[in-house]
Amino acid sequence: MANFIPKLIFKIAGWKAVGQAPPLKKYIVVGAPHTSNWDFVFGLCAWKLYGMKPRYLIKREFYVFPLNLLFRATGGLAVDRSKNNSLTDSIVEMFAKREEFVVIFPPEGTRKLVQRWKTGFYYVALRSKLPIVLGAMDYKLKQTHLSEAFYPTGDIEKDFEFFREFFRNVTPCNPAGFNPENVRPA
């Protein structure tokens, strides 16, 4: 019954989920491109259809009643971007304390066009010795895609080449908000 609504939404919208979640208990998902609030809706549906129970990062400013009820129920982790705190350290600690934990990072950090990606997800993966799974929503094909688990090598430039190639032909909801050439470390 829990998958009925996501299946219905995908069927009505003409979407399908391609690939599968890795059979791992801990990993990081990089969700991109993020150019629209529709990404959240289709993302929630896709996570259910892939059988995932991820946590995701969301600005604390959005974590207010009644939206906080939705975010809490769907795995939201409120992030306070106004303070100079180490989100990377906090998430590394969360991974260390849990037997099962999946976190989705939006590397752009906004729905607007960025020149470079934030690298927190990469350093969390390295420090936690965890794989990265790339997740994309292609609005032209009306498909969500998941990559196989990728273990970062420590060569950030080389690894970002792999990420860039994965997202190169993905069409976001708002194409002006994403340039695959900007999939580079900040």
C-alpha atoms as a PDB file:
ATOM      1  CA  MET A   1       0.000   0.000   0.000  1.00  0.00           C
ATOM      2  CA  ALA A   2       2.900   2.348   0.775  1.00  0.00           C
ATOM      3  CA  ASN A   3       4.014   2.278  -2.870  1.00  0.00           C
ATOM      4  CA  PHE A   4       0.521   2.814  -4.280  1.00  0.00           C
ATOM      5  CA  ILE A   5       0.696   6.632  -4.300  1.00  0.00           C
ATOM      6  CA  PRO A   6       4.225   6.879  -5.803  1.00  0.00           C
ATOM      7  CA  LYS A   7       3.273   4.316  -8.476  1.00  0.00           C
ATOM      8  CA  LEU A   8       0.103   6.252  -9.245  1.00  0.00           C
ATOM      9  CA  ILE A   9       1.955   9.579  -9.486  1.00  0.00           C
ATOM     10  CA  PHE A  10       4.585   8.073 -11.805  1.00  0.00           C
ATOM     11  CA  LYS A  11       1.908   6.417 -13.950  1.00  0.00           C
ATOM     12  CA  ILE A  12      -0.163   9.602 -14.293  1.00  0.00           C
ATOM     13  CA  ALA A  13       2.934  11.711 -15.023  1.00  0.00           C
ATOM     14  CA  GLY A  14       4.364   9.103 -17.428  1.00  0.00           C
ATOM     15  CA  TRP A  15       7.550   8.546 -15.378  1.00  0.00           C
ATOM     16  CA  LYS A  16       9.529   5.396 -14.622  1.00  0.00           C
ATOM     17  CA  ALA A  17      12.349   4.473 -12.251  1.00  0.00           C
ATOM     18  CA  VAL A  18      15.389   2.992 -14.010  1.00  0.00           C
ATOM     19  CA  GLY A  19      18.053   0.975 -12.222  1.00  0.00           C
ATOM     20  CA  GLN A  20      17.965  -0.173  -8.638  1.00  0.00           C
ATOM     21  CA  ALA A  21      19.242   0.848  -5.248  1.00  0.00           C
ATOM     22  CA  PRO A  22      22.427  -0.944  -4.238  1.00  0.00           C
ATOM     23  CA  PRO A  23      22.056  -3.783  -1.717  1.00  0.00           C
ATOM     24  CA  LEU A  24      24.093  -1.838   0.831  1.00  0.00           C
ATOM     25  CA  LYS A  25      23.199  -0.618   4.312  1.00  0.00           C
ATOM     26  CA  LYS A  26      25.150   2.649   4.093  1.00  0.00           C
ATOM     27  CA  TYR A  27      25.863   4.935   1.173  1.00  0.00           C
ATOM     28  CA  ILE A  28      25.575   8.484  -0.088  1.00  0.00           C
ATOM     29  CA  VAL A  29      23.257   9.524  -2.902  1.00  0.00           C
ATOM     30  CA  VAL A  30      24.075  12.580  -4.985  1.00  0.00           C
ATOM     31  CA  GLY A  31      20.762  13.898  -6.294  1.00  0.00           C
ATOM     32  CA  ALA A  32      21.082  16.208  -9.287  1.00  0.00           C
ATOM     33  CA  PRO A  33      20.298  18.286 -11.185  1.00  0.00           C
ATOM     34  CA  HIS A  34      18.145  20.182  -8.721  1.00  0.00           C
ATOM     35  CA  THR A  35      16.363  22.985 -10.599  1.00  0.00           C
ATOM     36  CA  SER A  36      12.744  22.776  -9.423  1.00  0.00           C
ATOM     37  CA  ASN A  37      10.548  21.972  -6.450  1.00  0.00           C
ATOM     38  CA  TRP A  38       9.113  19.188  -8.627  1.00  0.00           C
ATOM     39  CA  ASP A  39      12.421  17.375  -8.050  1.00  0.00           C
ATOM     40  CA  PHE A  40      11.313  16.829  -4.458  1.00  0.00           C
ATOM     41  CA  VAL A  41       7.964  15.314  -5.478  1.00  0.00           C
ATOM     42  CA  PHE A  42       9.400  12.976  -8.104  1.00  0.00           C
ATOM     43  CA  GLY A  43      12.356  12.216  -5.833  1.00  0.00           C
ATOM     44  CA  LEU A  44      10.083  11.086  -2.986  1.00  0.00           C
ATOM     45  CA  CYS A  45       8.213   8.818  -5.387  1.00  0.00           C
ATOM     46  CA  ALA A  46      11.422   7.383  -6.821  1.00  0.00           C
ATOM     47  CA  TRP A  47      12.893   6.640  -3.374  1.00  0.00           C
ATOM     48  CA  LYS A  48       9.800   4.613  -2.507  1.00  0.00           C
ATOM     49  CA  LEU A  49       9.858   2.776  -5.823  1.00  0.00           C
ATOM     50  CA  TYR A  50      13.561   1.942  -5.374  1.00  0.00           C
ATOM     51  CA  GLY A  51      12.815   0.694  -1.860  1.00  0.00           C
ATOM     52  CA  MET A  52      15.059   3.321  -0.296  1.00  0.00           C
ATOM     53  CA  LYS A  53      14.584   5.038   3.066  1.00  0.00           C
ATOM     54  CA  PRO A  54      17.044   7.886   2.714  1.00  0.00           C
ATOM     55  CA  ARG A  55      17.517  11.015   4.751  1.00  0.00           C
ATOM     56  CA  TYR A  56      17.936  14.271   2.849  1.00  0.00           C
ATOM     57  CA  LEU A  57      19.287  17.724   3.613  1.00  0.00           C
ATOM     58  CA  ILE A  58      16.933  20.690   3.696  1.00  0.00           C
ATOM     59  CA  LYS A  59      17.390  24.292   4.777  1.00  0.00           C
ATOM     60  CA  ARG A  60      16.264  24.870   8.364  1.00  0.00           C
ATOM     61  CA  GLU A  61      14.256  27.876   7.122  1.00  0.00           C
ATOM     62  CA  PHE A  62      11.904  25.447   5.346  1.00  0.00           C
ATOM     63  CA  TYR A  63      11.555  23.297   8.464  1.00  0.00           C
ATOM     64  CA  VAL A  64       8.531  25.172   9.890  1.00  0.00           C
ATOM     65  CA  PHE A  65       5.003  24.066  10.693  1.00  0.00           C
ATOM     66  CA  PRO A  66       3.211  22.484   8.879  1.00  0.00           C
ATOM     67  CA  LEU A  67       5.956  21.627   6.339  1.00  0.00           C
ATOM     68  CA  ASN A  68       8.181  20.250   9.103  1.00  0.00           C
ATOM     69  CA  LEU A  69       5.666  17.393   9.538  1.00  0.00           C
ATOM     70  CA  LEU A  70       6.098  16.396   5.884  1.00  0.00           C
ATOM     71  CA  PHE A  71       9.877  16.754   5.991  1.00  0.00           C
ATOM     72  CA  ARG A  72      10.223  14.772   9.225  1.00  0.00           C
ATOM     73  CA  ALA A  73       7.971  11.989   7.867  1.00  0.00           C
ATOM     74  CA  THR A  74       9.925  11.753   4.614  1.00  0.00           C
ATOM     75  CA  GLY A  75      13.469  11.805   6.069  1.00  0.00           C
ATOM     76  CA  GLY A  76      14.395  15.496   6.115  1.00  0.00           C
ATOM     77  CA  LEU A  77      17.504  16.589   8.021  1.00  0.00           C
ATOM     78  CA  ALA A  78      17.324  20.305   8.812  1.00  0.00           C
ATOM     79  CA  VAL A  79      20.550  22.162   7.979  1.00  0.00           C
ATOM     80  CA  ASP A  80      21.386  25.542   9.502  1.00  0.00           C
ATOM     81  CA  ARG A  81      23.405  27.284   6.802  1.00  0.00           C
ATOM     82  CA  SER A  82      23.678  30.543   8.764  1.00  0.00           C
ATOM     83  CA  LYS A  83      26.086  29.090  11.321  1.00  0.00           C
ATOM     84  CA  ASN A  84      29.692  28.195  10.698  1.00  0.00           C
ATOM     85  CA  ASN A  85      29.369  24.554  11.654  1.00  0.00           C
ATOM     86  CA  SER A  86      30.849  21.450  10.143  1.00  0.00           C
ATOM     87  CA  LEU A  87      28.022  19.631   8.452  1.00  0.00           C
ATOM     88  CA  THR A  88      30.563  17.172   7.044  1.00  0.00           C
ATOM     89  CA  ASP A  89      31.745  16.222  10.548  1.00  0.00           C
ATOM     90  CA  SER A  90      28.155  15.845  11.764  1.00  0.00           C
ATOM     91  CA  ILE A  91      27.182  13.535   8.927  1.00  0.00           C
ATOM     92  CA  VAL A  92      30.355  11.452   9.238  1.00  0.00           C
ATOM     93  CA  GLU A  93      29.422  10.991  12.911  1.00  0.00           C
ATOM     94  CA  MET A  94      25.843  10.014  11.964  1.00  0.00           C
ATOM     95  CA  PHE A  95      27.166   7.324   9.618  1.00  0.00           C
ATOM     96  CA  ALA A  96      29.515   6.017  12.330  1.00  0.00           C
ATOM     97  CA  LYS A  97      26.673   5.678  14.851  1.00  0.00           C
ATOM     98  CA  ARG A  98      24.172   3.878  12.627  1.00  0.00           C
ATOM     99  CA  GLU A  99      24.063   0.400  11.187  1.00  0.00           C
ATOM    100  CA  GLU A 100      21.899   1.511   8.250  1.00  0.00           C
ATOM    101  CA  PHE A 101      21.996   5.042   6.892  1.00  0.00           C
ATOM    102  CA  VAL A 102      21.537   6.603   3.455  1.00  0.00           C
ATOM    103  CA  VAL A 103      21.799  10.359   2.922  1.00  0.00           C
ATOM    104  CA  ILE A 104      20.880  12.259  -0.224  1.00  0.00           C
ATOM    105  CA  PHE A 105      22.987  15.328  -0.927  1.00  0.00           C
ATOM    106  CA  PRO A 106      21.950  18.034  -3.385  1.00  0.00           C
ATOM    107  CA  PRO A 107      25.478  19.093  -4.420  1.00  0.00           C
ATOM    108  CA  GLU A 108      24.300  22.314  -6.024  1.00  0.00           C
ATOM    109  CA  GLY A 109      22.827  23.455  -2.708  1.00  0.00           C
ATOM    110  CA  THR A 110      20.183  25.498  -4.552  1.00  0.00           C
ATOM    111  CA  ARG A 111      17.781  25.291  -7.474  1.00  0.00           C
ATOM    112  CA  LYS A 112      19.707  28.021  -9.300  1.00  0.00           C
ATOM    113  CA  LEU A 113      22.590  27.574 -11.716  1.00  0.00           C
ATOM    114  CA  VAL A 114      25.891  27.172  -9.856  1.00  0.00           C
ATOM    115  CA  GLN A 115      29.426  27.368 -11.190  1.00  0.00           C
ATOM    116  CA  ARG A 116      30.709  24.512  -9.023  1.00  0.00           C
ATOM    117  CA  TRP A 117      29.317  21.787  -6.806  1.00  0.00           C
ATOM    118  CA  LYS A 118      29.673  21.705  -3.044  1.00  0.00           C
ATOM    119  CA  THR A 119      32.014  18.895  -2.029  1.00  0.00           C
ATOM    120  CA  GLY A 120      30.711  17.890   1.401  1.00  0.00           C
ATOM    121  CA  PHE A 121      29.194  14.657   0.045  1.00  0.00           C
ATOM    122  CA  TYR A 122      32.563  13.685  -1.405  1.00  0.00           C
ATOM    123  CA  TYR A 123      34.469  14.192   1.836  1.00  0.00           C
ATOM    124  CA  VAL A 124      31.793  12.416   3.878  1.00  0.00           C
ATOM    125  CA  ALA A 125      32.160   9.422   1.526  1.00  0.00           C
ATOM    126  CA  LEU A 126      35.959   9.468   1.753  1.00  0.00           C
ATOM    127  CA  ARG A 127      36.095   9.842   5.522  1.00  0.00           C
ATOM    128  CA  SER A 128      33.368   7.241   6.091  1.00  0.00           C
ATOM    129  CA  LYS A 129      34.785   4.884   3.434  1.00  0.00           C
ATOM    130  CA  LEU A 130      31.373   4.731   1.793  1.00  0.00           C
ATOM    131  CA  PRO A 131      30.244   4.555  -1.831  1.00  0.00           C
ATOM    132  CA  ILE A 132      28.440   7.290  -3.714  1.00  0.00           C
ATOM    133  CA  VAL A 133      25.360   6.502  -5.793  1.00  0.00           C
ATOM    134  CA  LEU A 134      24.417   9.092  -8.403  1.00  0.00           C
ATOM    135  CA  GLY A 135      20.718   9.802  -8.812  1.00  0.00           C
ATOM    136  CA  ALA A 136      19.253  11.841 -11.657  1.00  0.00           C
ATOM    137  CA  MET A 137      15.808  12.898 -12.789  1.00  0.00           C
ATOM    138  CA  ASP A 138      15.582  13.326 -16.529  1.00  0.00           C
ATOM    139  CA  TYR A 139      12.522  15.397 -17.436  1.00  0.00           C
ATOM    140  CA  LYS A 140      12.956  14.820 -21.175  1.00  0.00           C
ATOM    141  CA  LEU A 141      12.885  11.025 -20.818  1.00  0.00           C
ATOM    142  CA  LYS A 142      10.645  11.174 -17.720  1.00  0.00           C
ATOM    143  CA  GLN A 143      12.948   8.773 -15.921  1.00  0.00           C
ATOM    144  CA  THR A 144      14.844   8.599 -12.687  1.00  0.00           C
ATOM    145  CA  HIS A 145      18.247   6.928 -12.891  1.00  0.00           C
ATOM    146  CA  LEU A 146      20.566   5.469 -10.246  1.00  0.00           C
ATOM    147  CA  SER A 147      24.195   4.644 -10.899  1.00  0.00           C
ATOM    148  CA  GLU A 148      26.020   1.688  -9.468  1.00  0.00           C
ATOM    149  CA  ALA A 149      27.885   2.286  -6.230  1.00  0.00           C
ATOM    150  CA  PHE A 150      31.043   4.321  -6.861  1.00  0.00           C
ATOM    151  CA  TYR A 151      33.863   4.397  -4.313  1.00  0.00           C
ATOM    152  CA  PRO A 152      35.730   7.706  -4.425  1.00  0.00           C
ATOM    153  CA  THR A 153      39.443   7.381  -5.117  1.00  0.00           C
ATOM    154  CA  GLY A 154      40.638  10.520  -3.348  1.00  0.00           C
ATOM    155  CA  ASP A 155      41.484  12.099  -6.705  1.00  0.00           C
ATOM    156  CA  ILE A 156      38.642  14.614  -6.607  1.00  0.00           C
ATOM    157  CA  GLU A 157      39.203  15.974 -10.135  1.00  0.00           C
ATOM    158  CA  LYS A 158      39.181  12.495 -11.679  1.00  0.00           C
ATOM    159  CA  ASP A 159      36.138  11.416  -9.650  1.00  0.00           C
ATOM    160  CA  PHE A 160      34.231  14.550 -10.648  1.00  0.00           C
ATOM    161  CA  GLU A 161      34.906  13.668 -14.303  1.00  0.00           C
ATOM    162  CA  PHE A 162      32.947  10.468 -13.662  1.00  0.00           C
ATOM    163  CA  PHE A 163      30.101  12.461 -12.032  1.00  0.00           C
ATOM    164  CA  ARG A 164      30.092  14.980 -14.890  1.00  0.00           C
ATOM    165  CA  GLU A 165      29.757  12.208 -17.499  1.00  0.00           C
ATOM    166  CA  PHE A 166      26.864  10.610 -15.623  1.00  0.00           C
ATOM    167  CA  PHE A 167      24.900  13.874 -15.586  1.00  0.00           C
ATOM    168  CA  ARG A 168      26.022  15.154 -19.013  1.00  0.00           C
ATOM    169  CA  ASN A 169      22.907  14.135 -20.964  1.00  0.00           C
ATOM    170  CA  VAL A 170      20.336  14.570 -18.196  1.00  0.00           C
ATOM    171  CA  THR A 171      17.615  17.141 -18.910  1.00  0.00           C
ATOM    172  CA  PRO A 172      16.459  18.909 -15.733  1.00  0.00           C
ATOM    173  CA  CYS A 173      13.033  20.464 -15.186  1.00  0.00           C
ATOM    174  CA  ASN A 174      14.532  23.928 -15.819  1.00  0.00           C
ATOM    175  CA  PRO A 175      17.425  23.453 -18.264  1.00  0.00           C
ATOM    176  CA  ALA A 176      18.752  26.987 -17.658  1.00  0.00           C
ATOM    177  CA  GLY A 177      19.448  25.977 -14.052  1.00  0.00           C
ATOM    178  CA  PHE A 178      22.000  23.265 -14.854  1.00  0.00           C
ATOM    179  CA  ASN A 179      25.186  23.052 -16.893  1.00  0.00           C
ATOM    180  CA  PRO A 180      26.982  19.686 -16.740  1.00  0.00           C
ATOM    181  CA  GLU A 181      30.294  21.470 -17.313  1.00  0.00           C
ATOM    182  CA  ASN A 182      29.771  23.012 -13.851  1.00  0.00           C
ATOM    183  CA  VAL A 183      29.904  19.574 -12.222  1.00  0.00           C
ATOM    184  CA  ARG A 184      33.284  20.458 -10.734  1.00  0.00           C
ATOM    185  CA  PRO A 185      34.472  20.649  -7.142  1.00  0.00           C
ATOM    186  CA  ALA A 186      34.154  24.020  -5.405  1.00  0.00           C
END
